[in-house]
Amino acid sequence: MSERPSFLSQIPPVTRNLLYVNIVMFLATLVNPVFMKETFSMAFPLATGFRWWQPLTHMFMHDGWMHIIFNMYSLVIFGMVVERVLGTRKFIIFYLVTGFGAVLLHFGVEYLQAQALVAANPGVDPQLIYNRIPGVLGASGAVYGVLVGFAMLYPEARLTLIFPPITLSAKWWVAIFIGIELFTGIAGTSMGIAHFAHLGGALFGFLLIRFWRRTHKIY
């Protein structure tokens, strides 16, 4: 009598391994949070704490149980679908591009704000301003890219949130999420959340899926 395959064994390889790496990094962060965050979260590129590997490693860092649970739940639910459509190689590219795009937009906005502070405070060492810019960590930017990818591949898929229990098509849910991120990012509410990183991941996910469609390389 054959055994029933486990849930993890049914998750495509890239999504499954991303899940494993994020969990291992989170457990290591629980053991030594100061070292892990200073070493693997991403500092502002002009800050003294920046290291060349951080644009990659920040994607696997999380700051609390709710942070990692939400991101990994979304990654598994939507990532396994997107990976099956794109294939293993393209999904790796897609995930990394959206993750890099997230910090590119986030720190692009931070750079403009920092330059305004530098211009307004000519007697202050710019390095002091750069060092005060908070770093970023988490898979959220890449996960937003995956959400956009799912919505572009299956725009009419019906999704129901746990709270509130409202059912809408994927394209409308993603549009609402992006609208909220844009509003809160511009308004400066929900401090401590990298809204423009989420928007960067979503933007690069949209552009990459659109590019692959235009070049007939989506599948």
N, C-alpha and C. Protein backbone atom coordinates (compact mmCIF):
# COMPACT_ATOMS: atom_id res chain seq x y z
N MET A 1 0.86 -1.19 0.00
CA MET A 1 0.00 0.00 0.00
C MET A 1 0.89 1.24 0.00
N SER A 2 0.73 2.10 -1.00
CA SER A 2 1.59 3.28 -1.14
C SER A 2 1.24 4.33 -0.10
N GLU A 3 2.28 5.03 0.36
CA GLU A 3 2.05 6.08 1.34
C GLU A 3 1.60 7.34 0.63
N ARG A 4 0.78 8.09 1.34
CA ARG A 4 0.30 9.35 0.79
C ARG A 4 1.42 10.38 0.86
N PRO A 5 1.70 11.12 -0.23
CA PRO A 5 2.80 12.10 -0.20
C PRO A 5 2.51 13.21 0.80
N SER A 6 3.56 13.69 1.47
CA SER A 6 3.40 14.76 2.44
C SER A 6 3.16 16.09 1.72
N PHE A 7 2.66 17.06 2.47
CA PHE A 7 2.40 18.38 1.89
C PHE A 7 3.68 19.01 1.38
N LEU A 8 4.77 18.90 2.17
CA LEU A 8 6.03 19.52 1.77
C LEU A 8 6.58 18.92 0.48
N SER A 9 6.38 17.62 0.30
CA SER A 9 6.90 16.97 -0.90
C SER A 9 6.17 17.43 -2.15
N GLN A 10 4.99 18.01 -1.99
CA GLN A 10 4.22 18.47 -3.14
C GLN A 10 4.53 19.92 -3.51
N ILE A 11 5.31 20.59 -2.69
CA ILE A 11 5.71 21.96 -2.99
C ILE A 11 6.86 21.93 -3.98
N PRO A 12 6.81 22.70 -5.06
CA PRO A 12 7.91 22.71 -6.05
C PRO A 12 9.24 23.05 -5.38
N PRO A 13 10.36 22.62 -5.97
CA PRO A 13 11.67 22.68 -5.29
C PRO A 13 12.14 24.06 -4.87
N VAL A 14 11.98 25.06 -5.72
CA VAL A 14 12.49 26.38 -5.35
C VAL A 14 11.69 26.95 -4.18
N THR A 15 10.37 26.88 -4.26
CA THR A 15 9.54 27.38 -3.17
C THR A 15 9.84 26.64 -1.87
N ARG A 16 10.00 25.34 -1.96
CA ARG A 16 10.28 24.54 -0.77
C ARG A 16 11.63 24.90 -0.16
N ASN A 17 12.65 25.07 -0.99
CA ASN A 17 13.97 25.42 -0.46
C ASN A 17 14.02 26.85 0.07
N LEU A 18 13.29 27.75 -0.54
CA LEU A 18 13.18 29.11 0.00
C LEU A 18 12.56 29.07 1.39
N LEU A 19 11.55 28.23 1.56
CA LEU A 19 10.92 28.05 2.86
C LEU A 19 11.93 27.56 3.88
N TYR A 20 12.70 26.55 3.52
CA TYR A 20 13.69 25.98 4.44
C TYR A 20 14.74 27.03 4.84
N VAL A 21 15.27 27.75 3.86
CA VAL A 21 16.32 28.73 4.15
C VAL A 21 15.79 29.83 5.07
N ASN A 22 14.59 30.30 4.81
CA ASN A 22 14.00 31.34 5.66
C ASN A 22 13.82 30.86 7.09
N ILE A 23 13.39 29.62 7.25
CA ILE A 23 13.19 29.06 8.59
C ILE A 23 14.52 28.94 9.33
N VAL A 24 15.54 28.43 8.64
CA VAL A 24 16.87 28.27 9.26
C VAL A 24 17.42 29.63 9.68
N MET A 25 17.31 30.63 8.81
CA MET A 25 17.81 31.97 9.13
C MET A 25 17.03 32.58 10.29
N PHE A 26 15.73 32.32 10.36
CA PHE A 26 14.92 32.85 11.45
C PHE A 26 15.32 32.21 12.78
N LEU A 27 15.53 30.90 12.78
CA LEU A 27 15.94 30.21 14.00
C LEU A 27 17.31 30.72 14.47
N ALA A 28 18.22 30.96 13.51
CA ALA A 28 19.53 31.51 13.87
C ALA A 28 19.39 32.91 14.45
N THR A 29 18.43 33.68 13.94
CA THR A 29 18.20 35.03 14.45
C THR A 29 17.66 34.99 15.88
N LEU A 30 16.84 33.99 16.18
CA LEU A 30 16.35 33.84 17.55
C LEU A 30 17.50 33.56 18.51
N VAL A 31 18.50 32.82 18.05
CA VAL A 31 19.64 32.46 18.89
C VAL A 31 20.57 33.65 19.09
N ASN A 32 20.87 34.39 18.00
CA ASN A 32 21.81 35.52 18.08
C ASN A 32 21.28 36.68 17.24
N PRO A 33 20.26 37.39 17.74
CA PRO A 33 19.61 38.42 16.92
C PRO A 33 20.52 39.58 16.52
N VAL A 34 21.40 40.02 17.40
CA VAL A 34 22.26 41.16 17.10
C VAL A 34 23.19 40.85 15.94
N PHE A 35 23.90 39.73 16.03
CA PHE A 35 24.83 39.35 14.97
C PHE A 35 24.11 39.13 13.64
N MET A 36 23.01 38.40 13.66
CA MET A 36 22.29 38.07 12.44
C MET A 36 21.76 39.31 11.74
N LYS A 37 21.16 40.21 12.51
CA LYS A 37 20.58 41.41 11.89
C LYS A 37 21.64 42.36 11.39
N GLU A 38 22.70 42.53 12.17
CA GLU A 38 23.77 43.44 11.72
C GLU A 38 24.51 42.89 10.51
N THR A 39 24.58 41.57 10.40
CA THR A 39 25.36 40.95 9.33
C THR A 39 24.55 40.71 8.07
N PHE A 40 23.30 40.28 8.21
CA PHE A 40 22.55 39.80 7.05
C PHE A 40 21.35 40.65 6.64
N SER A 41 20.85 41.52 7.53
CA SER A 41 19.86 42.49 7.08
C SER A 41 20.55 43.51 6.18
N MET A 42 19.78 44.25 5.40
CA MET A 42 20.42 45.18 4.47
C MET A 42 20.44 46.59 5.03
N ALA A 43 21.65 47.11 5.22
CA ALA A 43 21.83 48.49 5.62
C ALA A 43 21.77 49.40 4.38
N PHE A 44 21.54 50.67 4.61
CA PHE A 44 21.58 51.65 3.53
C PHE A 44 22.94 51.54 2.84
N PRO A 45 22.98 51.49 1.50
CA PRO A 45 24.24 51.23 0.79
C PRO A 45 25.38 52.20 1.09
N LEU A 46 25.08 53.42 1.54
CA LEU A 46 26.13 54.38 1.86
C LEU A 46 26.47 54.38 3.35
N ALA A 47 25.79 53.55 4.13
CA ALA A 47 26.06 53.47 5.57
C ALA A 47 27.27 52.59 5.83
N THR A 48 27.90 52.78 6.97
CA THR A 48 29.11 52.01 7.28
C THR A 48 28.80 50.54 7.54
N GLY A 49 27.55 50.22 7.86
CA GLY A 49 27.19 48.83 8.14
C GLY A 49 26.84 48.01 6.91
N PHE A 50 26.91 48.62 5.73
CA PHE A 50 26.53 47.89 4.51
C PHE A 50 27.60 46.89 4.12
N ARG A 51 27.15 45.68 3.71
CA ARG A 51 28.04 44.64 3.20
C ARG A 51 27.50 44.17 1.85
N TRP A 52 28.39 43.74 0.97
CA TRP A 52 28.00 43.44 -0.42
C TRP A 52 26.98 42.32 -0.53
N TRP A 53 26.94 41.40 0.42
CA TRP A 53 26.02 40.27 0.34
C TRP A 53 24.61 40.59 0.84
N GLN A 54 24.43 41.73 1.49
CA GLN A 54 23.14 42.03 2.12
C GLN A 54 21.96 42.17 1.15
N PRO A 55 22.15 42.66 -0.10
CA PRO A 55 21.00 42.68 -1.02
C PRO A 55 20.39 41.30 -1.24
N LEU A 56 21.18 40.24 -1.08
CA LEU A 56 20.65 38.89 -1.20
C LEU A 56 20.15 38.36 0.14
N THR A 57 20.98 38.48 1.17
CA THR A 57 20.64 37.82 2.43
C THR A 57 19.47 38.46 3.17
N HIS A 58 19.20 39.75 2.91
CA HIS A 58 18.09 40.39 3.62
C HIS A 58 16.76 39.72 3.31
N MET A 59 16.68 39.06 2.14
CA MET A 59 15.43 38.41 1.73
C MET A 59 15.08 37.22 2.62
N PHE A 60 16.04 36.72 3.36
CA PHE A 60 15.83 35.53 4.18
C PHE A 60 15.79 35.84 5.67
N MET A 61 15.76 37.12 6.00
CA MET A 61 15.73 37.55 7.39
C MET A 61 14.32 38.01 7.79
N HIS A 62 13.94 37.73 9.05
CA HIS A 62 12.64 38.17 9.53
C HIS A 62 12.74 38.64 10.97
N ASP A 63 11.82 39.54 11.32
CA ASP A 63 11.87 40.20 12.63
C ASP A 63 10.62 39.86 13.43
N GLY A 64 10.47 38.61 13.81
CA GLY A 64 9.33 38.22 14.62
C GLY A 64 8.51 37.11 13.98
N TRP A 65 7.73 36.43 14.82
CA TRP A 65 6.96 35.28 14.35
C TRP A 65 5.90 35.65 13.33
N MET A 66 5.16 36.72 13.56
CA MET A 66 4.11 37.10 12.62
C MET A 66 4.69 37.48 11.27
N HIS A 67 5.86 38.10 11.29
CA HIS A 67 6.53 38.51 10.05
C HIS A 67 6.83 37.29 9.18
N ILE A 68 7.47 36.29 9.77
CA ILE A 68 7.85 35.12 8.97
C ILE A 68 6.65 34.25 8.63
N ILE A 69 5.68 34.13 9.55
CA ILE A 69 4.52 33.28 9.28
C ILE A 69 3.72 33.83 8.10
N PHE A 70 3.47 35.13 8.09
CA PHE A 70 2.70 35.73 7.00
C PHE A 70 3.44 35.58 5.68
N ASN A 71 4.76 35.89 5.68
CA ASN A 71 5.52 35.81 4.44
C ASN A 71 5.64 34.39 3.91
N MET A 72 5.90 33.44 4.78
CA MET A 72 6.07 32.06 4.32
C MET A 72 4.73 31.44 3.90
N TYR A 73 3.66 31.79 4.58
CA TYR A 73 2.33 31.32 4.16
C TYR A 73 2.03 31.82 2.75
N SER A 74 2.26 33.11 2.52
CA SER A 74 1.99 33.69 1.19
C SER A 74 2.91 33.11 0.14
N LEU A 75 4.20 32.90 0.51
CA LEU A 75 5.15 32.33 -0.44
C LEU A 75 4.73 30.94 -0.88
N VAL A 76 4.34 30.10 0.07
CA VAL A 76 3.97 28.73 -0.26
C VAL A 76 2.68 28.69 -1.08
N ILE A 77 1.66 29.40 -0.63
CA ILE A 77 0.35 29.35 -1.29
C ILE A 77 0.43 29.87 -2.73
N PHE A 78 1.09 30.99 -2.92
CA PHE A 78 1.14 31.59 -4.25
C PHE A 78 2.41 31.21 -5.03
N GLY A 79 3.51 31.03 -4.30
CA GLY A 79 4.76 30.70 -4.98
C GLY A 79 4.72 29.35 -5.67
N MET A 80 4.07 28.37 -5.05
CA MET A 80 4.03 27.05 -5.66
C MET A 80 3.25 27.07 -6.98
N VAL A 81 2.24 27.94 -7.06
CA VAL A 81 1.48 28.06 -8.31
C VAL A 81 2.31 28.76 -9.38
N VAL A 82 2.94 29.87 -8.99
CA VAL A 82 3.74 30.63 -9.95
C VAL A 82 4.94 29.81 -10.43
N GLU A 83 5.56 29.06 -9.53
CA GLU A 83 6.71 28.25 -9.92
C GLU A 83 6.30 27.15 -10.91
N ARG A 84 5.14 26.55 -10.71
CA ARG A 84 4.69 25.50 -11.63
C ARG A 84 4.42 26.05 -13.03
N VAL A 85 4.02 27.31 -13.10
CA VAL A 85 3.77 27.93 -14.41
C VAL A 85 5.08 28.35 -15.07
N LEU A 86 5.93 29.04 -14.31
CA LEU A 86 7.17 29.58 -14.89
C LEU A 86 8.25 28.51 -15.06
N GLY A 87 8.25 27.51 -14.19
CA GLY A 87 9.33 26.55 -14.17
C GLY A 87 10.38 26.96 -13.16
N THR A 88 11.24 26.01 -12.81
CA THR A 88 12.22 26.22 -11.74
C THR A 88 13.18 27.37 -12.03
N ARG A 89 13.80 27.36 -13.20
CA ARG A 89 14.82 28.38 -13.52
C ARG A 89 14.23 29.77 -13.55
N LYS A 90 13.10 29.93 -14.22
CA LYS A 90 12.50 31.27 -14.32
C LYS A 90 11.99 31.75 -12.96
N PHE A 91 11.53 30.83 -12.13
CA PHE A 91 11.02 31.26 -10.84
C PHE A 91 12.15 31.75 -9.94
N ILE A 92 13.32 31.11 -10.02
CA ILE A 92 14.48 31.61 -9.27
C ILE A 92 14.80 33.04 -9.71
N ILE A 93 14.86 33.25 -11.03
CA ILE A 93 15.14 34.58 -11.57
C ILE A 93 14.08 35.57 -11.10
N PHE A 94 12.82 35.16 -11.20
CA PHE A 94 11.71 36.02 -10.82
C PHE A 94 11.81 36.44 -9.36
N TYR A 95 12.07 35.48 -8.48
CA TYR A 95 12.12 35.76 -7.05
C TYR A 95 13.27 36.71 -6.72
N LEU A 96 14.44 36.46 -7.29
CA LEU A 96 15.59 37.31 -7.00
C LEU A 96 15.42 38.71 -7.58
N VAL A 97 14.89 38.81 -8.78
CA VAL A 97 14.69 40.13 -9.39
C VAL A 97 13.72 40.96 -8.57
N THR A 98 12.64 40.34 -8.10
CA THR A 98 11.67 41.11 -7.31
C THR A 98 12.26 41.49 -5.95
N GLY A 99 13.07 40.60 -5.37
CA GLY A 99 13.72 40.93 -4.10
C GLY A 99 14.71 42.08 -4.24
N PHE A 100 15.51 42.04 -5.32
CA PHE A 100 16.45 43.14 -5.56
C PHE A 100 15.70 44.42 -5.92
N GLY A 101 14.63 44.29 -6.68
CA GLY A 101 13.84 45.46 -7.05
C GLY A 101 13.22 46.13 -5.84
N ALA A 102 12.88 45.32 -4.83
CA ALA A 102 12.28 45.86 -3.61
C ALA A 102 13.24 46.82 -2.91
N VAL A 103 14.49 46.39 -2.71
CA VAL A 103 15.43 47.27 -2.00
C VAL A 103 15.89 48.41 -2.91
N LEU A 104 15.88 48.20 -4.22
CA LEU A 104 16.27 49.28 -5.13
C LEU A 104 15.31 50.46 -5.01
N LEU A 105 14.00 50.19 -5.02
CA LEU A 105 13.04 51.28 -4.90
C LEU A 105 13.05 51.85 -3.48
N HIS A 106 13.10 50.98 -2.49
CA HIS A 106 13.08 51.44 -1.10
C HIS A 106 14.24 52.39 -0.81
N PHE A 107 15.46 51.95 -1.14
CA PHE A 107 16.61 52.79 -0.83
C PHE A 107 16.77 53.93 -1.82
N GLY A 108 16.15 53.83 -3.00
CA GLY A 108 16.11 54.97 -3.89
C GLY A 108 15.34 56.12 -3.27
N VAL A 109 14.19 55.80 -2.67
CA VAL A 109 13.40 56.81 -1.97
C VAL A 109 14.16 57.33 -0.76
N GLU A 110 14.79 56.42 0.00
CA GLU A 110 15.56 56.83 1.17
C GLU A 110 16.73 57.74 0.77
N TYR A 111 17.34 57.46 -0.37
CA TYR A 111 18.47 58.28 -0.83
C TYR A 111 18.01 59.72 -1.11
N LEU A 112 16.87 59.85 -1.78
CA LEU A 112 16.36 61.19 -2.08
C LEU A 112 16.06 61.96 -0.80
N GLN A 113 15.47 61.27 0.18
CA GLN A 113 15.18 61.92 1.45
C GLN A 113 16.47 62.28 2.19
N ALA A 114 17.47 61.39 2.11
CA ALA A 114 18.75 61.66 2.77
C ALA A 114 19.44 62.85 2.14
N GLN A 115 19.39 62.97 0.82
CA GLN A 115 20.04 64.09 0.15
C GLN A 115 19.37 65.40 0.52
N ALA A 116 18.06 65.37 0.72
CA ALA A 116 17.36 66.58 1.16
C ALA A 116 17.83 66.98 2.56
N LEU A 117 18.05 66.01 3.44
CA LEU A 117 18.56 66.30 4.78
C LEU A 117 19.99 66.82 4.73
N VAL A 118 20.80 66.24 3.86
CA VAL A 118 22.19 66.70 3.71
C VAL A 118 22.21 68.15 3.25
N ALA A 119 21.35 68.49 2.27
CA ALA A 119 21.31 69.86 1.76
C ALA A 119 20.80 70.83 2.82
N ALA A 120 19.88 70.36 3.67
CA ALA A 120 19.30 71.23 4.70
C ALA A 120 20.21 71.38 5.91
N ASN A 121 21.21 70.52 6.03
CA ASN A 121 22.13 70.56 7.18
C ASN A 121 23.57 70.53 6.69
N PRO A 122 24.04 71.62 6.07
CA PRO A 122 25.38 71.62 5.47
C PRO A 122 26.52 71.41 6.45
N GLY A 123 26.30 71.69 7.74
CA GLY A 123 27.36 71.51 8.72
C GLY A 123 27.45 70.12 9.30
N VAL A 124 26.55 69.23 8.89
CA VAL A 124 26.51 67.88 9.43
C VAL A 124 27.19 66.92 8.47
N ASP A 125 27.99 66.02 9.00
CA ASP A 125 28.66 65.00 8.18
C ASP A 125 27.58 64.10 7.54
N PRO A 126 27.54 64.01 6.21
CA PRO A 126 26.52 63.17 5.56
C PRO A 126 26.54 61.73 6.05
N GLN A 127 27.71 61.23 6.45
CA GLN A 127 27.80 59.85 6.91
C GLN A 127 26.93 59.62 8.14
N LEU A 128 26.80 60.63 8.99
CA LEU A 128 25.95 60.51 10.16
C LEU A 128 24.48 60.33 9.76
N ILE A 129 24.08 61.00 8.70
CA ILE A 129 22.72 60.89 8.20
C ILE A 129 22.49 59.52 7.57
N TYR A 130 23.46 59.07 6.78
CA TYR A 130 23.34 57.77 6.14
C TYR A 130 23.27 56.64 7.17
N ASN A 131 24.04 56.76 8.24
CA ASN A 131 24.07 55.71 9.25
C ASN A 131 22.78 55.63 10.07
N ARG A 132 22.00 56.70 10.05
CA ARG A 132 20.75 56.72 10.82
C ARG A 132 19.57 56.15 10.03
N ILE A 133 19.78 55.87 8.75
CA ILE A 133 18.69 55.32 7.94
C ILE A 133 18.49 53.85 8.30
N PRO A 134 17.28 53.45 8.69
CA PRO A 134 17.05 52.06 9.11
C PRO A 134 17.29 51.08 7.96
N GLY A 135 17.79 49.90 8.30
CA GLY A 135 17.95 48.85 7.31
C GLY A 135 16.63 48.15 7.04
N VAL A 136 16.66 47.19 6.13
CA VAL A 136 15.46 46.41 5.81
C VAL A 136 15.78 44.92 5.90
N LEU A 137 14.76 44.16 6.18
CA LEU A 137 14.89 42.71 6.20
C LEU A 137 13.54 42.09 5.91
N GLY A 138 13.57 40.90 5.35
CA GLY A 138 12.32 40.18 5.11
C GLY A 138 12.11 39.82 3.66
N ALA A 139 11.27 38.82 3.47
CA ALA A 139 10.93 38.35 2.13
C ALA A 139 9.75 39.10 1.52
N SER A 140 9.25 40.11 2.23
CA SER A 140 8.01 40.77 1.81
C SER A 140 8.07 41.34 0.41
N GLY A 141 9.20 41.97 0.04
CA GLY A 141 9.30 42.55 -1.30
C GLY A 141 9.16 41.49 -2.38
N ALA A 142 9.90 40.38 -2.23
CA ALA A 142 9.80 39.29 -3.20
C ALA A 142 8.42 38.65 -3.16
N VAL A 143 7.83 38.53 -1.97
CA VAL A 143 6.49 37.94 -1.86
C VAL A 143 5.46 38.81 -2.56
N TYR A 144 5.59 40.13 -2.47
CA TYR A 144 4.68 41.00 -3.22
C TYR A 144 4.86 40.79 -4.72
N GLY A 145 6.08 40.55 -5.15
CA GLY A 145 6.30 40.22 -6.55
C GLY A 145 5.59 38.94 -6.94
N VAL A 146 5.65 37.93 -6.07
CA VAL A 146 4.97 36.66 -6.32
C VAL A 146 3.45 36.86 -6.37
N LEU A 147 2.92 37.70 -5.48
CA LEU A 147 1.48 37.98 -5.49
C LEU A 147 1.06 38.62 -6.81
N VAL A 148 1.86 39.58 -7.27
CA VAL A 148 1.55 40.22 -8.55
C VAL A 148 1.66 39.22 -9.69
N GLY A 149 2.69 38.36 -9.64
CA GLY A 149 2.83 37.33 -10.67
C GLY A 149 1.62 36.41 -10.71
N PHE A 150 1.14 35.99 -9.54
CA PHE A 150 -0.04 35.15 -9.48
C PHE A 150 -1.24 35.86 -10.07
N ALA A 151 -1.44 37.14 -9.71
CA ALA A 151 -2.59 37.89 -10.20
C ALA A 151 -2.53 38.10 -11.71
N MET A 152 -1.32 38.22 -12.27
CA MET A 152 -1.20 38.39 -13.71
C MET A 152 -1.44 37.08 -14.46
N LEU A 153 -1.06 35.96 -13.83
CA LEU A 153 -1.26 34.66 -14.47
C LEU A 153 -2.69 34.18 -14.31
N TYR A 154 -3.30 34.49 -13.16
CA TYR A 154 -4.67 34.04 -12.87
C TYR A 154 -5.48 35.22 -12.32
N PRO A 155 -5.74 36.22 -13.16
CA PRO A 155 -6.40 37.44 -12.67
C PRO A 155 -7.81 37.22 -12.12
N GLU A 156 -8.52 36.22 -12.63
CA GLU A 156 -9.89 36.00 -12.19
C GLU A 156 -10.02 34.96 -11.08
N ALA A 157 -8.89 34.45 -10.57
CA ALA A 157 -8.95 33.49 -9.48
C ALA A 157 -9.62 34.15 -8.27
N ARG A 158 -10.53 33.43 -7.62
CA ARG A 158 -11.28 33.97 -6.49
C ARG A 158 -10.53 33.69 -5.20
N LEU A 159 -10.27 34.75 -4.44
CA LEU A 159 -9.53 34.63 -3.18
C LEU A 159 -10.36 35.20 -2.05
N THR A 160 -10.33 34.53 -0.91
CA THR A 160 -11.06 34.99 0.27
C THR A 160 -10.09 35.19 1.42
N LEU A 161 -10.07 36.38 1.99
CA LEU A 161 -9.22 36.64 3.14
C LEU A 161 -9.80 35.96 4.38
N ILE A 162 -8.91 35.66 5.33
CA ILE A 162 -9.38 35.13 6.61
C ILE A 162 -10.13 36.22 7.37
N PHE A 163 -9.56 37.42 7.36
CA PHE A 163 -10.24 38.57 7.97
C PHE A 163 -9.87 39.82 7.20
N PRO A 164 -10.88 40.55 6.69
CA PRO A 164 -12.30 40.19 6.69
C PRO A 164 -12.60 39.10 5.66
N PRO A 165 -13.60 38.27 5.90
CA PRO A 165 -13.92 37.16 4.98
C PRO A 165 -14.64 37.65 3.72
N ILE A 166 -13.89 38.37 2.89
CA ILE A 166 -14.44 38.94 1.65
C ILE A 166 -13.79 38.23 0.48
N THR A 167 -14.59 37.88 -0.53
CA THR A 167 -14.08 37.20 -1.72
C THR A 167 -14.04 38.17 -2.90
N LEU A 168 -12.86 38.28 -3.50
CA LEU A 168 -12.67 39.09 -4.70
C LEU A 168 -11.73 38.34 -5.64
N SER A 169 -11.66 38.80 -6.88
CA SER A 169 -10.71 38.21 -7.82
C SER A 169 -9.29 38.63 -7.44
N ALA A 170 -8.30 37.83 -7.84
CA ALA A 170 -6.91 38.10 -7.49
C ALA A 170 -6.46 39.48 -7.94
N LYS A 171 -6.87 39.89 -9.13
CA LYS A 171 -6.41 41.18 -9.65
C LYS A 171 -6.90 42.34 -8.78
N TRP A 172 -8.10 42.22 -8.22
CA TRP A 172 -8.62 43.29 -7.37
C TRP A 172 -7.97 43.29 -6.01
N TRP A 173 -7.70 42.11 -5.44
CA TRP A 173 -7.02 42.08 -4.15
C TRP A 173 -5.64 42.69 -4.26
N VAL A 174 -4.90 42.34 -5.30
CA VAL A 174 -3.55 42.87 -5.48
C VAL A 174 -3.60 44.38 -5.69
N ALA A 175 -4.57 44.85 -6.47
CA ALA A 175 -4.72 46.30 -6.68
C ALA A 175 -4.99 47.02 -5.36
N ILE A 176 -5.81 46.42 -4.51
CA ILE A 176 -6.11 47.02 -3.20
C ILE A 176 -4.87 47.04 -2.32
N PHE A 177 -4.14 45.92 -2.29
CA PHE A 177 -2.92 45.87 -1.47
C PHE A 177 -1.91 46.91 -1.91
N ILE A 178 -1.72 47.03 -3.23
CA ILE A 178 -0.76 48.00 -3.75
C ILE A 178 -1.22 49.42 -3.44
N GLY A 179 -2.52 49.68 -3.57
CA GLY A 179 -3.05 51.00 -3.25
C GLY A 179 -2.81 51.36 -1.79
N ILE A 180 -3.01 50.40 -0.90
CA ILE A 180 -2.77 50.64 0.53
C ILE A 180 -1.29 50.93 0.77
N GLU A 181 -0.41 50.14 0.16
CA GLU A 181 1.02 50.34 0.34
C GLU A 181 1.45 51.72 -0.18
N LEU A 182 0.91 52.11 -1.32
CA LEU A 182 1.27 53.41 -1.89
C LEU A 182 0.80 54.55 -0.99
N PHE A 183 -0.42 54.45 -0.50
CA PHE A 183 -0.96 55.51 0.37
C PHE A 183 -0.17 55.60 1.67
N THR A 184 0.05 54.45 2.33
CA THR A 184 0.76 54.48 3.60
C THR A 184 2.22 54.88 3.43
N GLY A 185 2.82 54.50 2.28
CA GLY A 185 4.19 54.90 2.03
C GLY A 185 4.34 56.39 1.86
N ILE A 186 3.43 56.99 1.11
CA ILE A 186 3.48 58.44 0.87
C ILE A 186 3.09 59.21 2.13
N ALA A 187 2.07 58.70 2.84
CA ALA A 187 1.59 59.38 4.04
C ALA A 187 2.54 59.22 5.22
N GLY A 188 3.41 58.21 5.17
CA GLY A 188 4.35 58.00 6.25
C GLY A 188 3.74 57.34 7.47
N THR A 189 2.60 56.68 7.29
CA THR A 189 1.98 55.95 8.40
C THR A 189 2.57 54.54 8.49
N SER A 190 2.23 53.83 9.54
CA SER A 190 2.73 52.46 9.78
C SER A 190 4.25 52.45 9.74
N MET A 191 4.85 53.26 10.62
CA MET A 191 6.32 53.34 10.69
C MET A 191 6.90 51.97 11.02
N GLY A 192 8.07 51.71 10.46
CA GLY A 192 8.72 50.42 10.68
C GLY A 192 8.43 49.41 9.60
N ILE A 193 7.54 49.76 8.66
CA ILE A 193 7.21 48.88 7.54
C ILE A 193 7.76 49.51 6.26
N ALA A 194 8.49 48.72 5.50
CA ALA A 194 9.12 49.23 4.27
C ALA A 194 8.11 49.18 3.12
N HIS A 195 7.22 50.15 3.08
CA HIS A 195 6.15 50.14 2.07
C HIS A 195 6.71 50.21 0.65
N PHE A 196 7.74 51.02 0.45
CA PHE A 196 8.28 51.15 -0.90
C PHE A 196 9.05 49.91 -1.33
N ALA A 197 9.51 49.11 -0.37
CA ALA A 197 10.10 47.82 -0.72
C ALA A 197 9.02 46.89 -1.26
N HIS A 198 7.85 46.89 -0.62
CA HIS A 198 6.73 46.10 -1.12
C HIS A 198 6.35 46.54 -2.53
N LEU A 199 6.29 47.86 -2.71
CA LEU A 199 5.93 48.39 -4.04
C LEU A 199 7.00 48.07 -5.07
N GLY A 200 8.26 48.08 -4.65
CA GLY A 200 9.34 47.74 -5.58
C GLY A 200 9.26 46.30 -6.03
N GLY A 201 8.99 45.39 -5.09
CA GLY A 201 8.83 43.99 -5.47
C GLY A 201 7.66 43.80 -6.42
N ALA A 202 6.55 44.47 -6.12
CA ALA A 202 5.37 44.37 -6.98
C ALA A 202 5.66 44.93 -8.37
N LEU A 203 6.34 46.07 -8.43
CA LEU A 203 6.64 46.71 -9.71
C LEU A 203 7.54 45.83 -10.57
N PHE A 204 8.61 45.30 -9.99
CA PHE A 204 9.53 44.48 -10.77
C PHE A 204 8.90 43.15 -11.16
N GLY A 205 8.01 42.62 -10.30
CA GLY A 205 7.28 41.41 -10.67
C GLY A 205 6.38 41.66 -11.88
N PHE A 206 5.69 42.80 -11.86
CA PHE A 206 4.83 43.17 -12.99
C PHE A 206 5.64 43.33 -14.27
N LEU A 207 6.75 44.05 -14.19
CA LEU A 207 7.56 44.31 -15.38
C LEU A 207 8.15 43.02 -15.95
N LEU A 208 8.59 42.11 -15.07
CA LEU A 208 9.22 40.89 -15.56
C LEU A 208 8.20 39.96 -16.22
N ILE A 209 7.03 39.80 -15.62
CA ILE A 209 5.99 38.98 -16.24
C ILE A 209 5.57 39.59 -17.57
N ARG A 210 5.43 40.91 -17.59
CA ARG A 210 5.05 41.60 -18.84
C ARG A 210 6.11 41.40 -19.91
N PHE A 211 7.38 41.48 -19.52
CA PHE A 211 8.47 41.29 -20.48
C PHE A 211 8.44 39.87 -21.04
N TRP A 212 8.29 38.87 -20.19
CA TRP A 212 8.25 37.49 -20.65
C TRP A 212 7.05 37.23 -21.55
N ARG A 213 5.96 37.88 -21.27
CA ARG A 213 4.79 37.71 -22.15
C ARG A 213 5.04 38.32 -23.51
N ARG A 214 5.63 39.50 -23.53
CA ARG A 214 5.87 40.18 -24.80
C ARG A 214 6.88 39.43 -25.66
N THR A 215 7.80 38.72 -25.01
CA THR A 215 8.82 37.96 -25.75
C THR A 215 8.42 36.49 -25.89
N HIS A 216 7.19 36.16 -25.48
CA HIS A 216 6.66 34.79 -25.59
C HIS A 216 7.53 33.78 -24.84
N LYS A 217 8.02 34.19 -23.66
CA LYS A 217 8.88 33.31 -22.85
C LYS A 217 8.27 33.06 -21.47
N ILE A 218 6.98 33.25 -21.35
CA ILE A 218 6.35 33.14 -20.04
C ILE A 218 6.29 31.71 -19.56
N TYR A 219 6.18 30.74 -20.48
CA TYR A 219 6.06 29.35 -20.06
C TYR A 219 7.32 28.57 -20.44
